[in-house]
PDB file of all heavy atoms in Angstrom:
ATOM      1  N   VAL A   1     117.118  99.879 104.956  1.00  0.00           N
ATOM      2  CA  VAL A   1     118.383 100.211 105.598  1.00  0.00           C
ATOM      3  C   VAL A   1     119.097  98.953 106.090  1.00  0.00           C
ATOM      4  O   VAL A   1     120.252  98.711 105.762  1.00  0.00           O
ATOM      5  CB  VAL A   1     118.165 101.206 106.761  1.00  0.00           C
ATOM      6  CG1 VAL A   1     119.469 101.505 107.487  1.00  0.00           C
ATOM      7  CG2 VAL A   1     117.526 102.489 106.251  1.00  0.00           C
ATOM      8  N   GLN A   2     118.427  98.190 106.903  1.00  0.00           N
ATOM      9  CA  GLN A   2     118.943  96.927 107.426  1.00  0.00           C
ATOM     10  C   GLN A   2     118.021  95.829 106.887  1.00  0.00           C
ATOM     11  O   GLN A   2     117.083  95.431 107.559  1.00  0.00           O
ATOM     12  CB  GLN A   2     118.920  96.959 108.967  1.00  0.00           C
ATOM     13  CG  GLN A   2     119.404  95.718 109.650  1.00  0.00           C
ATOM     14  CD  GLN A   2     120.895  95.527 109.501  1.00  0.00           C
ATOM     15  OE1 GLN A   2     121.654  96.481 109.475  1.00  0.00           O
ATOM     16  NE2 GLN A   2     121.322  94.294 109.370  1.00  0.00           N
ATOM     17  N   PRO A   3     118.244  95.377 105.659  1.00  0.00           N
ATOM     18  CA  PRO A   3     117.270  94.505 104.983  1.00  0.00           C
ATOM     19  C   PRO A   3     117.118  93.127 105.640  1.00  0.00           C
ATOM     20  O   PRO A   3     117.886  92.212 105.361  1.00  0.00           O
ATOM     21  CB  PRO A   3     117.777  94.399 103.560  1.00  0.00           C
ATOM     22  CG  PRO A   3     119.159  94.919 103.553  1.00  0.00           C
ATOM     23  CD  PRO A   3     119.395  95.676 104.817  1.00  0.00           C
ATOM     24  N   ILE A   4     116.124  93.034 106.487  1.00  0.00           N
ATOM     25  CA  ILE A   4     115.797  91.777 107.144  1.00  0.00           C
ATOM     26  C   ILE A   4     114.479  91.225 106.601  1.00  0.00           C
ATOM     27  O   ILE A   4     114.305  90.023 106.490  1.00  0.00           O
ATOM     28  CB  ILE A   4     115.734  91.969 108.678  1.00  0.00           C
ATOM     29  CG1 ILE A   4     117.139  92.260 109.211  1.00  0.00           C
ATOM     30  CG2 ILE A   4     115.117  90.767 109.372  1.00  0.00           C
ATOM     31  CD1 ILE A   4     117.201  92.566 110.693  1.00  0.00           C
ATOM     32  N   PHE A   5     113.562  92.118 106.235  1.00  0.00           N
ATOM     33  CA  PHE A   5     112.237  91.706 105.770  1.00  0.00           C
ATOM     34  C   PHE A   5     112.224  91.388 104.274  1.00  0.00           C
ATOM     35  O   PHE A   5     112.963  91.970 103.498  1.00  0.00           O
ATOM     36  CB  PHE A   5     111.205  92.806 106.019  1.00  0.00           C
ATOM     37  CG  PHE A   5     110.930  93.073 107.471  1.00  0.00           C
ATOM     38  CD1 PHE A   5     110.655  94.361 107.885  1.00  0.00           C
ATOM     39  CD2 PHE A   5     110.933  92.071 108.417  1.00  0.00           C
ATOM     40  CE1 PHE A   5     110.383  94.628 109.215  1.00  0.00           C
ATOM     41  CE2 PHE A   5     110.665  92.324 109.746  1.00  0.00           C
ATOM     42  CZ  PHE A   5     110.384  93.621 110.148  1.00  0.00           C
ATOM     43  N   THR A   6     111.323  90.477 103.907  1.00  0.00           N
ATOM     44  CA  THR A   6     111.064  90.173 102.497  1.00  0.00           C
ATOM     45  C   THR A   6     109.914  91.046 102.008  1.00  0.00           C
ATOM     46  O   THR A   6     109.309  91.802 102.781  1.00  0.00           O
ATOM     47  CB  THR A   6     110.662  88.691 102.325  1.00  0.00           C
ATOM     48  OG1 THR A   6     109.379  88.496 102.939  1.00  0.00           O
ATOM     49  CG2 THR A   6     111.688  87.751 102.925  1.00  0.00           C
ATOM     50  N   LYS A   7     109.585  90.894 100.744  1.00  0.00           N
ATOM     51  CA  LYS A   7     108.454  91.650 100.185  1.00  0.00           C
ATOM     52  C   LYS A   7     107.132  91.280 100.840  1.00  0.00           C
ATOM     53  O   LYS A   7     106.184  92.063 100.790  1.00  0.00           O
ATOM     54  CB  LYS A   7     108.383  91.452  98.673  1.00  0.00           C
ATOM     55  CG  LYS A   7     109.528  92.128  97.977  1.00  0.00           C
ATOM     56  CD  LYS A   7     109.431  92.033  96.489  1.00  0.00           C
ATOM     57  CE  LYS A   7     110.701  92.686  95.962  1.00  0.00           C
ATOM     58  NZ  LYS A   7     110.747  93.030  94.648  1.00  0.00           N
ATOM     59  N   TRP A   8     107.054  90.120 101.470  1.00  0.00           N
ATOM     60  CA  TRP A   8     105.833  89.737 102.163  1.00  0.00           C
ATOM     61  C   TRP A   8     105.518  90.693 103.310  1.00  0.00           C
ATOM     62  O   TRP A   8     104.365  90.819 103.719  1.00  0.00           O
ATOM     63  CB  TRP A   8     105.935  88.302 102.697  1.00  0.00           C
ATOM     64  CG  TRP A   8     105.605  87.291 101.657  1.00  0.00           C
ATOM     65  CD1 TRP A   8     106.484  86.613 100.862  1.00  0.00           C
ATOM     66  CD2 TRP A   8     104.305  86.845 101.292  1.00  0.00           C
ATOM     67  NE1 TRP A   8     105.804  85.773 100.018  1.00  0.00           N
ATOM     68  CE2 TRP A   8     104.459  85.890 100.260  1.00  0.00           C
ATOM     69  CE3 TRP A   8     103.018  87.148 101.725  1.00  0.00           C
ATOM     70  CZ2 TRP A   8     103.376  85.253  99.666  1.00  0.00           C
ATOM     71  CZ3 TRP A   8     101.953  86.504 101.140  1.00  0.00           C
ATOM     72  CH2 TRP A   8     102.134  85.573 100.129  1.00  0.00           C
ATOM     73  N   MET A   9     106.528  91.365 103.828  1.00  0.00           N
ATOM     74  CA  MET A   9     106.270  92.340 104.902  1.00  0.00           C
ATOM     75  C   MET A   9     105.517  93.545 104.381  1.00  0.00           C
ATOM     76  O   MET A   9     105.067  94.383 105.157  1.00  0.00           O
ATOM     77  CB  MET A   9     107.573  92.780 105.568  1.00  0.00           C
ATOM     78  CG  MET A   9     107.920  91.987 106.806  1.00  0.00           C
ATOM     79  SD  MET A   9     106.595  91.820 108.004  1.00  0.00           S
ATOM     80  CE  MET A   9     106.943  93.171 109.078  1.00  0.00           C
ATOM     81  N   LEU A  10     105.353  93.626 103.068  1.00  0.00           N
ATOM     82  CA  LEU A  10     104.515  94.688 102.526  1.00  0.00           C
ATOM     83  C   LEU A  10     103.063  94.508 102.985  1.00  0.00           C
ATOM     84  O   LEU A  10     102.293  95.469 102.975  1.00  0.00           O
ATOM     85  CB  LEU A  10     104.629  94.735 101.005  1.00  0.00           C
ATOM     86  CG  LEU A  10     106.011  95.113 100.476  1.00  0.00           C
ATOM     87  CD1 LEU A  10     106.033  95.057  98.944  1.00  0.00           C
ATOM     88  CD2 LEU A  10     106.453  96.472 100.979  1.00  0.00           C
ATOM     89  N   LEU A  11     102.691  93.299 103.413  1.00  0.00           N
ATOM     90  CA  LEU A  11     101.369  93.099 104.024  1.00  0.00           C
ATOM     91  C   LEU A  11     101.253  93.949 105.286  1.00  0.00           C
ATOM     92  O   LEU A  11     100.209  94.543 105.555  1.00  0.00           O
ATOM     93  CB  LEU A  11     101.154  91.622 104.384  1.00  0.00           C
ATOM     94  CG  LEU A  11     100.821  90.668 103.257  1.00  0.00           C
ATOM     95  CD1 LEU A  11     100.795  89.242 103.777  1.00  0.00           C
ATOM     96  CD2 LEU A  11      99.502  91.042 102.622  1.00  0.00           C
ATOM     97  N   ASP A  12     102.332  93.984 106.074  1.00  0.00           N
ATOM     98  CA  ASP A  12     102.336  94.816 107.282  1.00  0.00           C
ATOM     99  C   ASP A  12     102.243  96.285 106.896  1.00  0.00           C
ATOM    100  O   ASP A  12     101.498  97.053 107.510  1.00  0.00           O
ATOM    101  CB  ASP A  12     103.594  94.546 108.109  1.00  0.00           C
ATOM    102  CG  ASP A  12     103.576  95.239 109.447  1.00  0.00           C
ATOM    103  OD1 ASP A  12     102.647  94.967 110.247  1.00  0.00           O
ATOM    104  OD2 ASP A  12     104.473  96.066 109.708  1.00  0.00           O
ATOM    105  N   LEU A  13     102.999  96.672 105.877  1.00  0.00           N
ATOM    106  CA  LEU A  13     102.933  98.051 105.401  1.00  0.00           C
ATOM    107  C   LEU A  13     101.520  98.394 104.937  1.00  0.00           C
ATOM    108  O   LEU A  13     100.991  99.466 105.263  1.00  0.00           O
ATOM    109  CB  LEU A  13     103.934  98.277 104.271  1.00  0.00           C
ATOM    110  CG  LEU A  13     103.948  99.666 103.631  1.00  0.00           C
ATOM    111  CD1 LEU A  13     104.359 100.714 104.651  1.00  0.00           C
ATOM    112  CD2 LEU A  13     104.882  99.694 102.439  1.00  0.00           C
ATOM    113  N   ALA A  14     100.887  97.479 104.204  1.00  0.00           N
ATOM    114  CA  ALA A  14      99.506  97.715 103.755  1.00  0.00           C
ATOM    115  C   ALA A  14      98.571  97.842 104.958  1.00  0.00           C
ATOM    116  O   ALA A  14      97.670  98.693 104.962  1.00  0.00           O
ATOM    117  CB  ALA A  14      99.052  96.575 102.845  1.00  0.00           C
ATOM    118  N   GLY A  15      98.788  97.016 105.968  1.00  0.00           N
ATOM    119  CA  GLY A  15      97.993  97.137 107.189  1.00  0.00           C
ATOM    120  C   GLY A  15      98.178  98.482 107.851  1.00  0.00           C
ATOM    121  O   GLY A  15      97.215  99.109 108.324  1.00  0.00           O
ATOM    122  N   ASN A  16      99.419  98.969 107.865  1.00  0.00           N
ATOM    123  CA  ASN A  16      99.692 100.279 108.466  1.00  0.00           C
ATOM    124  C   ASN A  16      99.063 101.421 107.665  1.00  0.00           C
ATOM    125  O   ASN A  16      98.570 102.382 108.248  1.00  0.00           O
ATOM    126  CB  ASN A  16     101.206 100.487 108.614  1.00  0.00           C
ATOM    127  CG  ASN A  16     101.810  99.535 109.615  1.00  0.00           C
ATOM    128  OD1 ASN A  16     101.168  99.122 110.573  1.00  0.00           O
ATOM    129  ND2 ASN A  16     103.048  99.141 109.386  1.00  0.00           N
ATOM    130  N   VAL A  17      99.075 101.301 106.347  1.00  0.00           N
ATOM    131  CA  VAL A  17      98.383 102.290 105.506  1.00  0.00           C
ATOM    132  C   VAL A  17      96.890 102.258 105.832  1.00  0.00           C
ATOM    133  O   VAL A  17      96.241 103.310 105.977  1.00  0.00           O
ATOM    134  CB  VAL A  17      98.647 102.045 104.009  1.00  0.00           C
ATOM    135  CG1 VAL A  17      97.731 102.883 103.132  1.00  0.00           C
ATOM    136  CG2 VAL A  17     100.109 102.313 103.668  1.00  0.00           C
ATOM    137  N   GLY A  18      96.340 101.041 105.960  1.00  0.00           N
ATOM    138  CA  GLY A  18      94.933 100.904 106.327  1.00  0.00           C
ATOM    139  C   GLY A  18      94.624 101.535 107.671  1.00  0.00           C
ATOM    140  O   GLY A  18      93.616 102.223 107.834  1.00  0.00           O
ATOM    141  N   ILE A  19      95.500 101.345 108.650  1.00  0.00           N
ATOM    142  CA  ILE A  19      95.313 101.940 109.977  1.00  0.00           C
ATOM    143  C   ILE A  19      95.299 103.462 109.878  1.00  0.00           C
ATOM    144  O   ILE A  19      94.443 104.123 110.460  1.00  0.00           O
ATOM    145  CB  ILE A  19      96.410 101.448 110.941  1.00  0.00           C
ATOM    146  CG1 ILE A  19      96.211  99.964 111.253  1.00  0.00           C
ATOM    147  CG2 ILE A  19      96.428 102.268 112.232  1.00  0.00           C
ATOM    148  CD1 ILE A  19      97.403  99.300 111.903  1.00  0.00           C
ATOM    149  N   LEU A  20      96.238 104.013 109.123  1.00  0.00           N
ATOM    150  CA  LEU A  20      96.291 105.475 108.966  1.00  0.00           C
ATOM    151  C   LEU A  20      95.031 105.987 108.281  1.00  0.00           C
ATOM    152  O   LEU A  20      94.408 106.941 108.749  1.00  0.00           O
ATOM    153  CB  LEU A  20      97.535 105.879 108.166  1.00  0.00           C
ATOM    154  CG  LEU A  20      97.691 107.379 107.889  1.00  0.00           C
ATOM    155  CD1 LEU A  20      97.808 108.171 109.191  1.00  0.00           C
ATOM    156  CD2 LEU A  20      98.912 107.626 107.011  1.00  0.00           C
ATOM    157  N   LEU A  21      94.652 105.360 107.175  1.00  0.00           N
ATOM    158  CA  LEU A  21      93.458 105.816 106.441  1.00  0.00           C
ATOM    159  C   LEU A  21      92.190 105.690 107.267  1.00  0.00           C
ATOM    160  O   LEU A  21      91.369 106.617 107.300  1.00  0.00           O
ATOM    161  CB  LEU A  21      93.314 105.043 105.123  1.00  0.00           C
ATOM    162  CG  LEU A  21      94.365 105.349 104.060  1.00  0.00           C
ATOM    163  CD1 LEU A  21      94.195 104.427 102.865  1.00  0.00           C
ATOM    164  CD2 LEU A  21      94.307 106.803 103.652  1.00  0.00           C
ATOM    165  N   VAL A  22      92.005 104.554 107.937  1.00  0.00           N
ATOM    166  CA  VAL A  22      90.827 104.373 108.775  1.00  0.00           C
ATOM    167  C   VAL A  22      90.811 105.406 109.895  1.00  0.00           C
ATOM    168  O   VAL A  22      89.764 105.976 110.213  1.00  0.00           O
ATOM    169  CB  VAL A  22      90.750 102.935 109.329  1.00  0.00           C
ATOM    170  CG1 VAL A  22      89.706 102.823 110.434  1.00  0.00           C
ATOM    171  CG2 VAL A  22      90.432 101.955 108.217  1.00  0.00           C
ATOM    172  N   GLY A  23      91.978 105.670 110.468  1.00  0.00           N
ATOM    173  CA  GLY A  23      92.043 106.674 111.523  1.00  0.00           C
ATOM    174  C   GLY A  23      91.657 108.061 111.042  1.00  0.00           C
ATOM    175  O   GLY A  23      90.858 108.757 111.687  1.00  0.00           O
ATOM    176  N   LEU A  24      92.174 108.467 109.903  1.00  0.00           N
ATOM    177  CA  LEU A  24      91.879 109.808 109.377  1.00  0.00           C
ATOM    178  C   LEU A  24      90.436 109.935 108.889  1.00  0.00           C
ATOM    179  O   LEU A  24      89.747 110.910 109.178  1.00  0.00           O
ATOM    180  CB  LEU A  24      92.871 110.161 108.261  1.00  0.00           C
ATOM    181  CG  LEU A  24      94.334 110.279 108.691  1.00  0.00           C
ATOM    182  CD1 LEU A  24      95.228 110.520 107.478  1.00  0.00           C
ATOM    183  CD2 LEU A  24      94.535 111.349 109.748  1.00  0.00           C
ATOM    184  N   ILE A  25      90.004 108.921 108.146  1.00  0.00           N
ATOM    185  CA  ILE A  25      88.615 108.946 107.649  1.00  0.00           C
ATOM    186  C   ILE A  25      87.636 108.797 108.815  1.00  0.00           C
ATOM    187  O   ILE A  25      86.620 109.485 108.872  1.00  0.00           O
ATOM    188  CB  ILE A  25      88.399 107.863 106.577  1.00  0.00           C
ATOM    189  CG1 ILE A  25      89.252 108.169 105.346  1.00  0.00           C
ATOM    190  CG2 ILE A  25      86.929 107.746 106.201  1.00  0.00           C
ATOM    191  CD1 ILE A  25      89.366 107.013 104.359  1.00  0.00           C
ATOM    192  N   GLY A  26      87.971 107.904 109.746  1.00  0.00           N
ATOM    193  CA  GLY A  26      87.126 107.727 110.931  1.00  0.00           C
ATOM    194  C   GLY A  26      86.997 109.000 111.743  1.00  0.00           C
ATOM    195  O   GLY A  26      85.931 109.315 112.268  1.00  0.00           O
ATOM    196  N   TYR A  27      88.086 109.747 111.841  1.00  0.00           N
ATOM    197  CA  TYR A  27      88.061 111.035 112.549  1.00  0.00           C
ATOM    198  C   TYR A  27      87.039 111.963 111.895  1.00  0.00           C
ATOM    199  O   TYR A  27      86.191 112.542 112.578  1.00  0.00           O
ATOM    200  CB  TYR A  27      89.453 111.663 112.536  1.00  0.00           C
ATOM    201  CG  TYR A  27      89.486 113.070 113.053  1.00  0.00           C
ATOM    202  CD1 TYR A  27      89.438 113.326 114.418  1.00  0.00           C
ATOM    203  CD2 TYR A  27      89.553 114.159 112.186  1.00  0.00           C
ATOM    204  CE1 TYR A  27      89.457 114.617 114.907  1.00  0.00           C
ATOM    205  CE2 TYR A  27      89.565 115.453 112.657  1.00  0.00           C
ATOM    206  CZ  TYR A  27      89.522 115.678 114.022  1.00  0.00           C
ATOM    207  OH  TYR A  27      89.529 116.971 114.492  1.00  0.00           O
ATOM    208  N   ARG A  28      87.116 112.091 110.584  1.00  0.00           N
ATOM    209  CA  ARG A  28      86.194 112.999 109.872  1.00  0.00           C
ATOM    210  C   ARG A  28      84.740 112.551 109.996  1.00  0.00           C
ATOM    211  O   ARG A  28      83.855 113.355 110.265  1.00  0.00           O
ATOM    212  CB  ARG A  28      86.598 113.108 108.397  1.00  0.00           C
ATOM    213  CG  ARG A  28      87.945 113.814 108.238  1.00  0.00           C
ATOM    214  CD  ARG A  28      88.317 113.996 106.809  1.00  0.00           C
ATOM    215  NE  ARG A  28      87.391 114.943 106.201  1.00  0.00           N
ATOM    216  CZ  ARG A  28      87.215 115.081 104.909  1.00  0.00           C
ATOM    217  NH1 ARG A  28      87.894 114.330 104.075  1.00  0.00           N
ATOM    218  NH2 ARG A  28      86.375 115.955 104.425  1.00  0.00           N
ATOM    219  N   ILE A  29      84.497 111.271 109.796  1.00  0.00           N
ATOM    220  CA  ILE A  29      83.124 110.765 109.871  1.00  0.00           C
ATOM    221  C   ILE A  29      82.593 110.877 111.296  1.00  0.00           C
ATOM    222  O   ILE A  29      81.457 111.290 111.515  1.00  0.00           O
ATOM    223  CB  ILE A  29      83.049 109.311 109.355  1.00  0.00           C
ATOM    224  CG1 ILE A  29      83.275 109.298 107.829  1.00  0.00           C
ATOM    225  CG2 ILE A  29      81.712 108.669 109.712  1.00  0.00           C
ATOM    226  CD1 ILE A  29      83.385 107.925 107.235  1.00  0.00           C
ATOM    227  N   SER A  30      83.411 110.513 112.251  1.00  0.00           N
ATOM    228  CA  SER A  30      82.994 110.565 113.647  1.00  0.00           C
ATOM    229  C   SER A  30      82.691 112.004 114.086  1.00  0.00           C
ATOM    230  O   SER A  30      81.766 112.241 114.858  1.00  0.00           O
ATOM    231  CB  SER A  30      84.079 109.940 114.535  1.00  0.00           C
ATOM    232  OG  SER A  30      83.661 109.855 115.862  1.00  0.00           O
ATOM    233  N   LYS A  31      83.471 112.952 113.584  1.00  0.00           N
ATOM    234  CA  LYS A  31      83.224 114.375 113.881  1.00  0.00           C
ATOM    235  C   LYS A  31      81.851 114.793 113.349  1.00  0.00           C
ATOM    236  O   LYS A  31      81.135 115.543 114.011  1.00  0.00           O
ATOM    237  CB  LYS A  31      84.289 115.270 113.261  1.00  0.00           C
ATOM    238  CG  LYS A  31      85.533 115.392 114.065  1.00  0.00           C
ATOM    239  CD  LYS A  31      85.288 116.251 115.257  1.00  0.00           C
ATOM    240  CE  LYS A  31      86.219 117.427 115.241  1.00  0.00           C
ATOM    241  NZ  LYS A  31      86.232 118.093 116.543  1.00  0.00           N
ATOM    242  N   ARG A  32      81.496 114.310 112.149  1.00  0.00           N
ATOM    243  CA  ARG A  32      80.179 114.620 111.585  1.00  0.00           C
ATOM    244  C   ARG A  32      79.065 113.958 112.380  1.00  0.00           C
ATOM    245  O   ARG A  32      78.005 114.533 112.577  1.00  0.00           O
ATOM    246  CB  ARG A  32      80.105 114.191 110.118  1.00  0.00           C
ATOM    247  CG  ARG A  32      80.796 115.161 109.182  1.00  0.00           C
ATOM    248  CD  ARG A  32      80.369 114.927 107.733  1.00  0.00           C
ATOM    249  NE  ARG A  32      80.486 113.549 107.309  1.00  0.00           N
ATOM    250  CZ  ARG A  32      81.459 113.058 106.548  1.00  0.00           C
ATOM    251  NH1 ARG A  32      82.409 113.872 106.125  1.00  0.00           N
ATOM    252  NH2 ARG A  32      81.484 111.813 106.198  1.00  0.00           N
TER     253      ARG A  32
END
């Protein structure tokens, strides 16, 4: 929308995907 970031900020996006996945998978494993 307001293009300030370069494609390198996809590292941050990848980190955020990792945070979401670890949170969801961690929830399931921790429940078990």
